[in-house]
PDB file of N, CA and C in Angstrom:
ATOM      1  N   UNK A   1     -69.949 -77.011  10.082  1.00  0.00           N
ATOM      2  CA  UNK A   1     -69.339 -77.715   9.046  1.00  0.00           C
ATOM      3  C   UNK A   1     -69.412 -76.981   7.697  1.00  0.00           C
ATOM      4  N   UNK A   2     -70.420 -76.209   7.491  1.00  0.00           N
ATOM      5  CA  UNK A   2     -70.565 -75.299   6.311  1.00  0.00           C
ATOM      6  C   UNK A   2     -69.517 -74.303   6.276  1.00  0.00           C
ATOM      7  N   UNK A   3     -69.178 -73.705   7.398  1.00  0.00           N
ATOM      8  CA  UNK A   3     -67.992 -72.777   7.371  1.00  0.00           C
ATOM      9  C   UNK A   3     -66.740 -73.454   7.034  1.00  0.00           C
ATOM     10  N   UNK A   4     -66.531 -74.654   7.450  1.00  0.00           N
ATOM     11  CA  UNK A   4     -65.270 -75.363   7.019  1.00  0.00           C
ATOM     12  C   UNK A   4     -65.307 -75.567   5.576  1.00  0.00           C
ATOM     13  N   UNK A   5     -66.463 -76.002   5.063  1.00  0.00           N
ATOM     14  CA  UNK A   5     -66.438 -76.278   3.473  1.00  0.00           C
ATOM     15  C   UNK A   5     -66.335 -74.947   2.790  1.00  0.00           C
ATOM     16  N   UNK A   6     -66.847 -73.934   3.372  1.00  0.00           N
ATOM     17  CA  UNK A   6     -66.501 -72.504   2.610  1.00  0.00           C
ATOM     18  C   UNK A   6     -65.004 -72.176   2.655  1.00  0.00           C
ATOM     19  N   UNK A   7     -64.369 -72.418   3.808  1.00  0.00           N
ATOM     20  CA  UNK A   7     -62.943 -72.285   3.849  1.00  0.00           C
ATOM     21  C   UNK A   7     -62.177 -73.290   2.820  1.00  0.00           C
ATOM     22  N   UNK A   8     -62.604 -74.549   2.700  1.00  0.00           N
ATOM     23  CA  UNK A   8     -62.118 -75.292   1.593  1.00  0.00           C
ATOM     24  C   UNK A   8     -62.050 -74.659   0.254  1.00  0.00           C
ATOM     25  N   UNK A   9     -63.297 -74.242  -0.050  1.00  0.00           N
ATOM     26  CA  UNK A   9     -63.608 -73.486  -1.314  1.00  0.00           C
ATOM     27  C   UNK A   9     -62.734 -72.321  -1.578  1.00  0.00           C
ATOM     28  N   UNK A  10     -62.508 -71.524  -0.565  1.00  0.00           N
ATOM     29  CA  UNK A  10     -61.581 -70.367  -0.588  1.00  0.00           C
ATOM     30  C   UNK A  10     -60.077 -70.997  -0.880  1.00  0.00           C
ATOM     31  N   UNK A  11     -59.621 -71.960  -0.150  1.00  0.00           N
ATOM     32  CA  UNK A  11     -58.301 -72.502  -0.557  1.00  0.00           C
ATOM     33  C   UNK A  11     -58.194 -73.143  -1.802  1.00  0.00           C
ATOM     34  N   UNK A  12     -59.155 -73.773  -2.325  1.00  0.00           N
ATOM     35  CA  UNK A  12     -59.260 -74.269  -3.575  1.00  0.00           C
ATOM     36  C   UNK A  12     -58.973 -73.251  -4.591  1.00  0.00           C
ATOM     37  N   UNK A  13     -59.516 -72.148  -4.543  1.00  0.00           N
ATOM     38  CA  UNK A  13     -59.536 -71.028  -5.479  1.00  0.00           C
ATOM     39  C   UNK A  13     -58.146 -70.452  -5.348  1.00  0.00           C
ATOM     40  N   UNK A  14     -57.596 -70.239  -4.051  1.00  0.00           N
ATOM     41  CA  UNK A  14     -56.323 -69.810  -4.012  1.00  0.00           C
ATOM     42  C   UNK A  14     -55.203 -70.681  -4.571  1.00  0.00           C
ATOM     43  N   UNK A  15     -55.387 -72.011  -4.472  1.00  0.00           N
ATOM     44  CA  UNK A  15     -54.552 -72.989  -5.122  1.00  0.00           C
ATOM     45  C   UNK A  15     -54.620 -72.910  -6.646  1.00  0.00           C
ATOM     46  N   UNK A  16     -55.906 -72.860  -7.123  1.00  0.00           N
ATOM     47  CA  UNK A  16     -56.034 -72.691  -8.544  1.00  0.00           C
ATOM     48  C   UNK A  16     -55.282 -71.471  -9.112  1.00  0.00           C
ATOM     49  N   UNK A  17     -55.424 -70.371  -8.342  1.00  0.00           N
ATOM     50  CA  UNK A  17     -54.657 -69.139  -8.911  1.00  0.00           C
ATOM     51  C   UNK A  17     -53.204 -69.163  -8.708  1.00  0.00           C
ATOM     52  N   UNK A  18     -52.654 -69.946  -7.583  1.00  0.00           N
ATOM     53  CA  UNK A  18     -51.256 -69.917  -7.127  1.00  0.00           C
ATOM     54  C   UNK A  18     -50.920 -71.362  -6.855  1.00  0.00           C
ATOM     55  N   UNK A  19     -50.794 -72.181  -7.772  1.00  0.00           N
ATOM     56  CA  UNK A  19     -50.508 -73.600  -7.539  1.00  0.00           C
ATOM     57  C   UNK A  19     -49.344 -73.971  -6.714  1.00  0.00           C
ATOM     58  N   UNK A  20     -48.411 -72.982  -6.427  1.00  0.00           N
ATOM     59  CA  UNK A  20     -47.188 -73.277  -5.653  1.00  0.00           C
ATOM     60  C   UNK A  20     -47.272 -72.598  -4.317  1.00  0.00           C
ATOM     61  N   UNK A  21     -48.440 -72.359  -4.012  1.00  0.00           N
ATOM     62  CA  UNK A  21     -48.682 -71.548  -2.602  1.00  0.00           C
ATOM     63  C   UNK A  21     -48.684 -72.664  -1.397  1.00  0.00           C
ATOM     64  N   UNK A  22     -47.533 -72.719  -0.854  1.00  0.00           N
ATOM     65  CA  UNK A  22     -47.416 -73.782   0.372  1.00  0.00           C
ATOM     66  C   UNK A  22     -48.394 -73.357   1.350  1.00  0.00           C
ATOM     67  N   UNK A  23     -48.666 -72.152   1.651  1.00  0.00           N
ATOM     68  CA  UNK A  23     -49.482 -71.828   2.813  1.00  0.00           C
ATOM     69  C   UNK A  23     -51.016 -72.257   2.539  1.00  0.00           C
ATOM     70  N   UNK A  24     -51.450 -72.083   1.268  1.00  0.00           N
ATOM     71  CA  UNK A  24     -52.606 -72.420   0.889  1.00  0.00           C
ATOM     72  C   UNK A  24     -52.843 -73.998   1.082  1.00  0.00           C
ATOM     73  N   UNK A  25     -51.982 -74.784   0.667  1.00  0.00           N
ATOM     74  CA  UNK A  25     -52.045 -76.229   0.937  1.00  0.00           C
ATOM     75  C   UNK A  25     -52.022 -76.563   2.369  1.00  0.00           C
ATOM     76  N   UNK A  26     -51.159 -75.968   3.070  1.00  0.00           N
ATOM     77  CA  UNK A  26     -51.039 -76.231   4.520  1.00  0.00           C
ATOM     78  C   UNK A  26     -52.353 -75.852   5.319  1.00  0.00           C
ATOM     79  N   UNK A  27     -52.835 -74.624   4.864  1.00  0.00           N
ATOM     80  CA  UNK A  27     -54.094 -74.390   5.670  1.00  0.00           C
ATOM     81  C   UNK A  27     -55.198 -75.201   5.265  1.00  0.00           C
ATOM     82  N   UNK A  28     -55.260 -75.489   3.968  1.00  0.00           N
ATOM     83  CA  UNK A  28     -56.323 -76.468   3.590  1.00  0.00           C
ATOM     84  C   UNK A  28     -56.267 -77.780   4.187  1.00  0.00           C
ATOM     85  N   UNK A  29     -55.034 -78.277   4.360  1.00  0.00           N
ATOM     86  CA  UNK A  29     -54.704 -79.560   4.912  1.00  0.00           C
ATOM     87  C   UNK A  29     -55.227 -79.375   6.553  1.00  0.00           C
ATOM     88  N   UNK A  30     -55.038 -78.446   7.109  1.00  0.00           N
ATOM     89  CA  UNK A  30     -55.472 -78.216   8.643  1.00  0.00           C
ATOM     90  C   UNK A  30     -57.019 -78.136   8.514  1.00  0.00           C
ATOM     91  N   UNK A  31     -57.654 -77.539   7.598  1.00  0.00           N
ATOM     92  CA  UNK A  31     -59.180 -77.559   7.617  1.00  0.00           C
ATOM     93  C   UNK A  31     -59.590 -79.014   7.289  1.00  0.00           C
ATOM     94  N   UNK A  32     -58.968 -79.718   6.410  1.00  0.00           N
ATOM     95  CA  UNK A  32     -59.491 -81.072   6.155  1.00  0.00           C
ATOM     96  C   UNK A  32     -59.364 -81.963   7.488  1.00  0.00           C
ATOM     97  N   UNK A  33     -58.199 -81.712   8.105  1.00  0.00           N
ATOM     98  CA  UNK A  33     -58.053 -82.579   9.367  1.00  0.00           C
ATOM     99  C   UNK A  33     -59.210 -82.144  10.396  1.00  0.00           C
ATOM    100  N   UNK A  34     -59.612 -80.877  10.622  1.00  0.00           N
ATOM    101  CA  UNK A  34     -60.770 -80.498  11.309  1.00  0.00           C
ATOM    102  C   UNK A  34     -62.027 -81.246  10.930  1.00  0.00           C
ATOM    103  N   UNK A  35     -62.164 -81.387   9.592  1.00  0.00           N
ATOM    104  CA  UNK A  35     -63.278 -82.145   9.163  1.00  0.00           C
ATOM    105  C   UNK A  35     -63.134 -83.626   9.202  1.00  0.00           C
ATOM    106  N   UNK A  36     -62.064 -84.117   9.732  1.00  0.00           N
ATOM    107  CA  UNK A  36     -61.871 -85.638   9.737  1.00  0.00           C
ATOM    108  C   UNK A  36     -61.598 -86.118   8.471  1.00  0.00           C
ATOM    109  N   UNK A  37     -61.137 -85.567   7.473  1.00  0.00           N
ATOM    110  CA  UNK A  37     -60.996 -85.925   6.218  1.00  0.00           C
ATOM    111  C   UNK A  37     -59.326 -86.149   6.171  1.00  0.00           C
ATOM    112  N   UNK A  38     -58.825 -87.143   6.790  1.00  0.00           N
ATOM    113  CA  UNK A  38     -57.406 -87.443   7.024  1.00  0.00           C
ATOM    114  C   UNK A  38     -56.702 -87.664   5.631  1.00  0.00           C
ATOM    115  N   UNK A  39     -57.372 -88.280   4.737  1.00  0.00           N
ATOM    116  CA  UNK A  39     -56.593 -88.619   3.479  1.00  0.00           C
ATOM    117  C   UNK A  39     -56.266 -87.412   2.758  1.00  0.00           C
ATOM    118  N   UNK A  40     -57.329 -86.564   2.649  1.00  0.00           N
ATOM    119  CA  UNK A  40     -57.135 -85.217   1.951  1.00  0.00           C
ATOM    120  C   UNK A  40     -56.048 -84.301   2.774  1.00  0.00           C
ATOM    121  N   UNK A  41     -56.054 -84.518   4.084  1.00  0.00           N
ATOM    122  CA  UNK A  41     -55.132 -83.571   4.942  1.00  0.00           C
ATOM    123  C   UNK A  41     -53.774 -84.111   4.542  1.00  0.00           C
ATOM    124  N   UNK A  42     -53.542 -85.396   4.529  1.00  0.00           N
ATOM    125  CA  UNK A  42     -52.214 -86.060   4.201  1.00  0.00           C
ATOM    126  C   UNK A  42     -51.709 -85.613   2.859  1.00  0.00           C
ATOM    127  N   UNK A  43     -52.723 -85.685   2.003  1.00  0.00           N
ATOM    128  CA  UNK A  43     -52.309 -85.194   0.463  1.00  0.00           C
ATOM    129  C   UNK A  43     -51.821 -83.745   0.416  1.00  0.00           C
ATOM    130  N   UNK A  44     -52.649 -82.953   0.999  1.00  0.00           N
ATOM    131  CA  UNK A  44     -52.142 -81.549   1.046  1.00  0.00           C
ATOM    132  C   UNK A  44     -50.810 -81.238   1.725  1.00  0.00           C
ATOM    133  N   UNK A  45     -50.721 -81.869   2.906  1.00  0.00           N
ATOM    134  CA  UNK A  45     -49.428 -81.738   3.677  1.00  0.00           C
ATOM    135  C   UNK A  45     -48.328 -82.363   2.817  1.00  0.00           C
ATOM    136  N   UNK A  46     -48.465 -83.336   2.089  1.00  0.00           N
ATOM    137  CA  UNK A  46     -47.542 -83.966   1.104  1.00  0.00           C
ATOM    138  C   UNK A  46     -47.187 -83.007  -0.036  1.00  0.00           C
ATOM    139  N   UNK A  47     -48.214 -82.489  -0.531  1.00  0.00           N
ATOM    140  CA  UNK A  47     -47.900 -81.366  -1.645  1.00  0.00           C
ATOM    141  C   UNK A  47     -47.159 -80.177  -0.993  1.00  0.00           C
ATOM    142  N   UNK A  48     -47.548 -79.860   0.122  1.00  0.00           N
ATOM    143  CA  UNK A  48     -46.778 -78.606   0.670  1.00  0.00           C
ATOM    144  C   UNK A  48     -45.315 -78.984   0.926  1.00  0.00           C
ATOM    145  N   UNK A  49     -45.073 -80.128   1.416  1.00  0.00           N
ATOM    146  CA  UNK A  49     -43.731 -80.558   1.817  1.00  0.00           C
ATOM    147  C   UNK A  49     -42.948 -80.709   0.431  1.00  0.00           C
ATOM    148  N   UNK A  50     -43.561 -81.278  -0.647  1.00  0.00           N
ATOM    149  CA  UNK A  50     -42.816 -81.169  -1.928  1.00  0.00           C
ATOM    150  C   UNK A  50     -42.479 -79.932  -2.395  1.00  0.00           C
ATOM    151  N   UNK A  51     -43.304 -78.974  -2.056  1.00  0.00           N
ATOM    152  CA  UNK A  51     -42.921 -77.550  -2.500  1.00  0.00           C
ATOM    153  C   UNK A  51     -41.995 -76.761  -1.601  1.00  0.00           C
ATOM    154  N   UNK A  52     -42.053 -77.160  -0.320  1.00  0.00           N
ATOM    155  CA  UNK A  52     -41.091 -76.577   0.615  1.00  0.00           C
ATOM    156  C   UNK A  52     -40.625 -77.594   1.618  1.00  0.00           C
ATOM    157  N   UNK A  53     -39.568 -78.462   1.122  1.00  0.00           N
ATOM    158  CA  UNK A  53     -39.129 -79.717   2.093  1.00  0.00           C
ATOM    159  C   UNK A  53     -38.428 -79.246   3.313  1.00  0.00           C
ATOM    160  N   UNK A  54     -38.185 -78.084   3.525  1.00  0.00           N
ATOM    161  CA  UNK A  54     -37.511 -77.620   4.696  1.00  0.00           C
ATOM    162  C   UNK A  54     -38.478 -76.981   5.749  1.00  0.00           C
ATOM    163  N   UNK A  55     -39.706 -77.137   5.614  1.00  0.00           N
ATOM    164  CA  UNK A  55     -40.739 -76.544   6.491  1.00  0.00           C
ATOM    165  C   UNK A  55     -41.012 -77.550   7.480  1.00  0.00           C
ATOM    166  N   UNK A  56     -40.391 -77.604   8.768  1.00  0.00           N
ATOM    167  CA  UNK A  56     -40.514 -78.513   9.710  1.00  0.00           C
ATOM    168  C   UNK A  56     -41.929 -78.760  10.261  1.00  0.00           C
ATOM    169  N   UNK A  57     -42.724 -77.621  10.294  1.00  0.00           N
ATOM    170  CA  UNK A  57     -43.957 -77.937  10.949  1.00  0.00           C
ATOM    171  C   UNK A  57     -44.980 -78.789  10.000  1.00  0.00           C
ATOM    172  N   UNK A  58     -44.792 -78.778   8.783  1.00  0.00           N
ATOM    173  CA  UNK A  58     -45.505 -79.615   7.891  1.00  0.00           C
ATOM    174  C   UNK A  58     -45.260 -81.083   8.142  1.00  0.00           C
ATOM    175  N   UNK A  59     -44.089 -81.419   8.472  1.00  0.00           N
ATOM    176  CA  UNK A  59     -43.793 -82.743   8.764  1.00  0.00           C
ATOM    177  C   UNK A  59     -44.503 -83.234  10.159  1.00  0.00           C
ATOM    178  N   UNK A  60     -44.379 -82.355  10.931  1.00  0.00           N
ATOM    179  CA  UNK A  60     -45.098 -82.658  12.380  1.00  0.00           C
ATOM    180  C   UNK A  60     -46.558 -82.702  12.139  1.00  0.00           C
ATOM    181  N   UNK A  61     -47.086 -81.769  11.435  1.00  0.00           N
ATOM    182  CA  UNK A  61     -48.570 -81.838  11.243  1.00  0.00           C
ATOM    183  C   UNK A  61     -49.015 -83.151  10.512  1.00  0.00           C
ATOM    184  N   UNK A  62     -48.224 -83.613   9.475  1.00  0.00           N
ATOM    185  CA  UNK A  62     -48.609 -84.717   8.776  1.00  0.00           C
ATOM    186  C   UNK A  62     -48.399 -85.904   9.633  1.00  0.00           C
ATOM    187  N   UNK A  63     -47.346 -85.995  10.373  1.00  0.00           N
ATOM    188  CA  UNK A  63     -46.958 -87.048  11.394  1.00  0.00           C
ATOM    189  C   UNK A  63     -48.147 -87.330  12.303  1.00  0.00           C
ATOM    190  N   UNK A  64     -48.721 -86.168  12.830  1.00  0.00           N
ATOM    191  CA  UNK A  64     -49.743 -86.311  13.775  1.00  0.00           C
ATOM    192  C   UNK A  64     -51.156 -87.157  13.185  1.00  0.00           C
ATOM    193  N   UNK A  65     -51.179 -86.754  11.773  1.00  0.00           N
ATOM    194  CA  UNK A  65     -52.338 -87.338  11.189  1.00  0.00           C
ATOM    195  C   UNK A  65     -52.092 -88.910  10.846  1.00  0.00           C
ATOM    196  N   UNK A  66     -50.841 -89.065  10.389  1.00  0.00           N
ATOM    197  CA  UNK A  66     -50.336 -90.588  10.199  1.00  0.00           C
ATOM    198  C   UNK A  66     -50.699 -91.216  11.357  1.00  0.00           C
ATOM    199  N   UNK A  67     -50.155 -90.699  12.462  1.00  0.00           N
ATOM    200  CA  UNK A  67     -50.321 -91.391  13.754  1.00  0.00           C
ATOM    201  C   UNK A  67     -51.805 -91.752  14.056  1.00  0.00           C
ATOM    202  N   UNK A  68     -52.586 -90.678  13.921  1.00  0.00           N
ATOM    203  CA  UNK A  68     -54.127 -90.818  14.147  1.00  0.00           C
ATOM    204  C   UNK A  68     -54.669 -91.925  13.398  1.00  0.00           C
ATOM    205  N   UNK A  69     -54.349 -92.122  12.162  1.00  0.00           N
ATOM    206  CA  UNK A  69     -54.893 -93.127  11.173  1.00  0.00           C
ATOM    207  C   UNK A  69     -54.102 -94.489  11.361  1.00  0.00           C
ATOM    208  N   UNK A  70     -53.091 -94.535  12.169  1.00  0.00           N
ATOM    209  CA  UNK A  70     -52.435 -95.817  12.454  1.00  0.00           C
ATOM    210  C   UNK A  70     -51.426 -96.280  11.499  1.00  0.00           C
ATOM    211  N   UNK A  71     -50.765 -95.129  10.732  1.00  0.00           N
ATOM    212  CA  UNK A  71     -49.725 -95.456   9.909  1.00  0.00           C
ATOM    213  C   UNK A  71     -48.465 -94.975  10.671  1.00  0.00           C
ATOM    214  N   UNK A  72     -47.953 -95.855  11.691  1.00  0.00           N
ATOM    215  CA  UNK A  72     -46.978 -95.548  12.587  1.00  0.00           C
ATOM    216  C   UNK A  72     -45.602 -95.474  11.982  1.00  0.00           C
ATOM    217  N   UNK A  73     -45.410 -96.129  11.064  1.00  0.00           N
ATOM    218  CA  UNK A  73     -44.000 -96.060  10.469  1.00  0.00           C
ATOM    219  C   UNK A  73     -43.986 -94.772   9.550  1.00  0.00           C
ATOM    220  N   UNK A  74     -44.934 -94.325   8.975  1.00  0.00           N
ATOM    221  CA  UNK A  74     -44.900 -92.929   8.176  1.00  0.00           C
ATOM    222  C   UNK A  74     -44.864 -91.882   9.295  1.00  0.00           C
ATOM    223  N   UNK A  75     -45.579 -91.935  10.307  1.00  0.00           N
ATOM    224  CA  UNK A  75     -45.549 -90.966  11.399  1.00  0.00           C
ATOM    225  C   UNK A  75     -44.234 -90.899  12.047  1.00  0.00           C
ATOM    226  N   UNK A  76     -43.543 -92.063  12.227  1.00  0.00           N
ATOM    227  CA  UNK A  76     -42.114 -91.995  12.809  1.00  0.00           C
ATOM    228  C   UNK A  76     -41.252 -91.315  11.866  1.00  0.00           C
ATOM    229  N   UNK A  77     -41.382 -91.693  10.566  1.00  0.00           N
ATOM    230  CA  UNK A  77     -40.384 -90.981   9.600  1.00  0.00           C
ATOM    231  C   UNK A  77     -40.634 -89.453   9.664  1.00  0.00           C
ATOM    232  N   UNK A  78     -41.753 -89.021   9.738  1.00  0.00           N
ATOM    233  CA  UNK A  78     -42.127 -87.614   9.714  1.00  0.00           C
ATOM    234  C   UNK A  78     -41.702 -86.812  11.133  1.00  0.00           C
ATOM    235  N   UNK A  79     -41.908 -87.629  12.142  1.00  0.00           N
ATOM    236  CA  UNK A  79     -41.452 -87.023  13.549  1.00  0.00           C
ATOM    237  C   UNK A  79     -39.856 -86.914  13.489  1.00  0.00           C
ATOM    238  N   UNK A  80     -39.279 -87.836  12.859  1.00  0.00           N
ATOM    239  CA  UNK A  80     -37.790 -87.805  12.749  1.00  0.00           C
ATOM    240  C   UNK A  80     -37.414 -86.724  12.048  1.00  0.00           C
ATOM    241  N   UNK A  81     -37.978 -86.652  10.836  1.00  0.00           N
ATOM    242  CA  UNK A  81     -37.629 -85.527   9.922  1.00  0.00           C
ATOM    243  C   UNK A  81     -37.783 -84.168  10.519  1.00  0.00           C
ATOM    244  N   UNK A  82     -38.864 -83.930  11.304  1.00  0.00           N
ATOM    245  CA  UNK A  82     -39.188 -82.869  11.925  1.00  0.00           C
ATOM    246  C   UNK A  82     -38.163 -82.469  12.969  1.00  0.00           C
ATOM    247  N   UNK A  83     -37.732 -83.625  13.685  1.00  0.00           N
ATOM    248  CA  UNK A  83     -36.656 -83.558  14.683  1.00  0.00           C
ATOM    249  C   UNK A  83     -35.419 -82.931  14.096  1.00  0.00           C
ATOM    250  N   UNK A  84     -34.974 -83.635  13.022  1.00  0.00           N
ATOM    251  CA  UNK A  84     -33.677 -83.207  12.309  1.00  0.00           C
ATOM    252  C   UNK A  84     -33.873 -81.770  11.780  1.00  0.00           C
ATOM    253  N   UNK A  85     -34.982 -81.216  11.375  1.00  0.00           N
ATOM    254  CA  UNK A  85     -35.072 -79.824  10.916  1.00  0.00           C
ATOM    255  C   UNK A  85     -34.974 -78.876  12.017  1.00  0.00           C
ATOM    256  N   UNK A  86     -35.495 -79.283  13.150  1.00  0.00           N
ATOM    257  CA  UNK A  86     -35.363 -78.277  14.344  1.00  0.00           C
ATOM    258  C   UNK A  86     -34.216 -78.454  15.241  1.00  0.00           C
ATOM    259  N   UNK A  87     -33.213 -79.333  14.887  1.00  0.00           N
ATOM    260  CA  UNK A  87     -32.235 -79.849  15.805  1.00  0.00           C
ATOM    261  C   UNK A  87     -31.314 -78.630  16.284  1.00  0.00           C
ATOM    262  N   UNK A  88     -31.225 -77.656  15.446  1.00  0.00           N
ATOM    263  CA  UNK A  88     -30.353 -76.468  15.902  1.00  0.00           C
ATOM    264  C   UNK A  88     -31.140 -75.292  16.030  1.00  0.00           C
ATOM    265  N   UNK A  89     -32.415 -75.306  16.008  1.00  0.00           N
ATOM    266  CA  UNK A  89     -33.142 -74.054  16.153  1.00  0.00           C
ATOM    267  C   UNK A  89     -32.913 -73.453  17.614  1.00  0.00           C
ATOM    268  N   UNK A  90     -32.798 -72.287  17.814  1.00  0.00           N
ATOM    269  CA  UNK A  90     -32.407 -71.612  18.972  1.00  0.00           C
ATOM    270  C   UNK A  90     -33.416 -71.100  20.002  1.00  0.00           C
ATOM    271  N   UNK A  91     -34.573 -71.123  19.558  1.00  0.00           N
ATOM    272  CA  UNK A  91     -35.684 -70.544  20.316  1.00  0.00           C
ATOM    273  C   UNK A  91     -36.213 -71.473  21.410  1.00  0.00           C
ATOM    274  N   UNK A  92     -36.806 -70.884  22.388  1.00  0.00           N
ATOM    275  CA  UNK A  92     -37.389 -71.687  23.540  1.00  0.00           C
ATOM    276  C   UNK A  92     -38.471 -72.676  22.982  1.00  0.00           C
ATOM    277  N   UNK A  93     -39.332 -72.212  22.116  1.00  0.00           N
ATOM    278  CA  UNK A  93     -40.359 -73.032  21.550  1.00  0.00           C
ATOM    279  C   UNK A  93     -39.651 -74.268  20.892  1.00  0.00           C
ATOM    280  N   UNK A  94     -38.708 -74.057  20.052  1.00  0.00           N
ATOM    281  CA  UNK A  94     -38.079 -75.187  19.390  1.00  0.00           C
ATOM    282  C   UNK A  94     -37.501 -76.138  20.445  1.00  0.00           C
ATOM    283  N   UNK A  95     -36.841 -75.584  21.584  1.00  0.00           N
ATOM    284  CA  UNK A  95     -36.383 -76.471  22.586  1.00  0.00           C
ATOM    285  C   UNK A  95     -37.354 -77.307  23.156  1.00  0.00           C
ATOM    286  N   UNK A  96     -38.472 -76.765  23.413  1.00  0.00           N
ATOM    287  CA  UNK A  96     -39.529 -77.615  23.947  1.00  0.00           C
ATOM    288  C   UNK A  96     -40.107 -78.606  22.885  1.00  0.00           C
ATOM    289  N   UNK A  97     -40.128 -78.323  21.692  1.00  0.00           N
ATOM    290  CA  UNK A  97     -40.506 -79.137  20.720  1.00  0.00           C
ATOM    291  C   UNK A  97     -39.534 -80.252  20.486  1.00  0.00           C
ATOM    292  N   UNK A  98     -38.145 -79.981  20.615  1.00  0.00           N
ATOM    293  CA  UNK A  98     -37.204 -80.892  20.458  1.00  0.00           C
ATOM    294  C   UNK A  98     -37.460 -81.995  21.630  1.00  0.00           C
ATOM    295  N   UNK A  99     -37.709 -81.651  22.751  1.00  0.00           N
ATOM    296  CA  UNK A  99     -37.934 -82.596  23.852  1.00  0.00           C
ATOM    297  C   UNK A  99     -39.277 -83.407  23.589  1.00  0.00           C
ATOM    298  N   UNK A 100     -40.201 -82.610  23.198  1.00  0.00           N
ATOM    299  CA  UNK A 100     -41.590 -83.354  22.820  1.00  0.00           C
ATOM    300  C   UNK A 100     -41.412 -84.347  21.771  1.00  0.00           C
ATOM    301  N   UNK A 101     -40.682 -84.065  20.634  1.00  0.00           N
ATOM    302  CA  UNK A 101     -40.654 -84.991  19.398  1.00  0.00           C
ATOM    303  C   UNK A 101     -39.641 -86.177  19.993  1.00  0.00           C
ATOM    304  N   UNK A 102     -38.722 -85.874  20.657  1.00  0.00           N
ATOM    305  CA  UNK A 102     -37.791 -87.056  21.164  1.00  0.00           C
ATOM    306  C   UNK A 102     -38.679 -87.995  21.920  1.00  0.00           C
ATOM    307  N   UNK A 103     -39.447 -87.534  22.834  1.00  0.00           N
ATOM    308  CA  UNK A 103     -40.252 -88.445  23.595  1.00  0.00           C
ATOM    309  C   UNK A 103     -41.366 -89.043  22.696  1.00  0.00           C
ATOM    310  N   UNK A 104     -41.932 -88.406  21.656  1.00  0.00           N
ATOM    311  CA  UNK A 104     -42.862 -88.957  20.673  1.00  0.00           C
ATOM    312  C   UNK A 104     -42.172 -90.022  19.852  1.00  0.00           C
ATOM    313  N   UNK A 105     -40.930 -89.768  19.472  1.00  0.00           N
ATOM    314  CA  UNK A 105     -40.284 -90.855  18.625  1.00  0.00           C
ATOM    315  C   UNK A 105     -40.092 -92.222  19.538  1.00  0.00           C
ATOM    316  N   UNK A 106     -39.649 -91.965  20.718  1.00  0.00           N
ATOM    317  CA  UNK A 106     -39.593 -93.136  21.520  1.00  0.00           C
ATOM    318  C   UNK A 106     -40.767 -93.896  21.675  1.00  0.00           C
ATOM    319  N   UNK A 107     -41.897 -93.218  21.972  1.00  0.00           N
ATOM    320  CA  UNK A 107     -43.205 -93.759  22.048  1.00  0.00           C
ATOM    321  C   UNK A 107     -43.654 -94.466  20.793  1.00  0.00           C
ATOM    322  N   UNK A 108     -43.376 -93.932  19.618  1.00  0.00           N
ATOM    323  CA  UNK A 108     -43.850 -94.495  18.416  1.00  0.00           C
ATOM    324  C   UNK A 108     -43.047 -95.802  18.128  1.00  0.00           C
ATOM    325  N   UNK A 109     -41.732 -95.823  18.407  1.00  0.00           N
ATOM    326  CA  UNK A 109     -40.910 -96.986  18.221  1.00  0.00           C
ATOM    327  C   UNK A 109     -41.502 -98.098  19.162  1.00  0.00           C
ATOM    328  N   UNK A 110     -41.742 -97.691  20.433  1.00  0.00           N
ATOM    329  CA  UNK A 110     -42.389 -98.676  21.300  1.00  0.00           C
ATOM    330  C   UNK A 110     -43.792 -99.108  20.839  1.00  0.00           C
ATOM    331  N   UNK A 111     -44.592 -98.248  20.380  1.00  0.00           N
ATOM    332  CA  UNK A 111     -45.875 -98.839  19.886  1.00  0.00           C
ATOM    333  C   UNK A 111     -45.883 -99.597  18.646  1.00  0.00           C
ATOM    334  N   UNK A 112     -44.950 -99.369  17.899  1.00  0.00           N
ATOM    335  CA  UNK A 112     -45.043-100.052  16.545  1.00  0.00           C
ATOM    336  C   UNK A 112     -44.130-101.303  16.631  1.00  0.00           C
ATOM    337  N   UNK A 113     -43.403-101.426  17.727  1.00  0.00           N
ATOM    338  CA  UNK A 113     -42.609-102.622  17.778  1.00  0.00           C
ATOM    339  C   UNK A 113     -41.310-102.550  16.800  1.00  0.00           C
ATOM    340  N   UNK A 114     -40.987-101.521  16.378  1.00  0.00           N
ATOM    341  CA  UNK A 114     -39.877-101.317  15.494  1.00  0.00           C
ATOM    342  C   UNK A 114     -38.730-101.233  16.403  1.00  0.00           C
ATOM    343  N   UNK A 115     -37.551-101.691  15.811  1.00  0.00           N
ATOM    344  CA  UNK A 115     -36.342-101.585  16.686  1.00  0.00           C
ATOM    345  C   UNK A 115     -35.397-100.453  15.973  1.00  0.00           C
ATOM    346  N   UNK A 116     -35.813 -99.915  14.816  1.00  0.00           N
ATOM    347  CA  UNK A 116     -35.123 -98.876  14.290  1.00  0.00           C
ATOM    348  C   UNK A 116     -36.112 -98.092  13.351  1.00  0.00           C
ATOM    349  N   UNK A 117     -35.765 -96.981  12.954  1.00  0.00           N
ATOM    350  CA  UNK A 117     -36.569 -96.024  12.048  1.00  0.00           C
ATOM    351  C   UNK A 117     -36.664 -96.656  10.818  1.00  0.00           C
ATOM    352  N   UNK A 118     -37.861 -96.700  10.214  1.00  0.00           N
ATOM    353  CA  UNK A 118     -38.183 -97.226   8.786  1.00  0.00           C
ATOM    354  C   UNK A 118     -37.463 -96.290   7.853  1.00  0.00           C
ATOM    355  N   UNK A 119     -37.068 -96.595   6.650  1.00  0.00           N
ATOM    356  CA  UNK A 119     -36.647 -95.876   5.569  1.00  0.00           C
ATOM    357  C   UNK A 119     -37.616 -95.223   4.915  1.00  0.00           C
TER     358      UNK A 119
END
């Protein structure tokens, strides 16, 4: 746990010096998620998304945490945004992710009882 706290301190300093550093926010969010501090992870992913709204993986990562904490509507919105951002990605990885996220969206709709995607 001390090692993770040290990593947070390093990212805090990086963000202090470069407040528009998307990578620092994203990496700190990941460390917060490892520490089970889901609220802080969501905050940092949200900040990173505001700084770089076209970064698909940020939406996917935030969706996973939203799902974990039971905010299924927010998770579904983020999974769908992720899917839209990778819709035309040509790589094999993205093809696998498109299949995975399509299945995830259907699962989320089923779990949440929604008949359509929330706004």
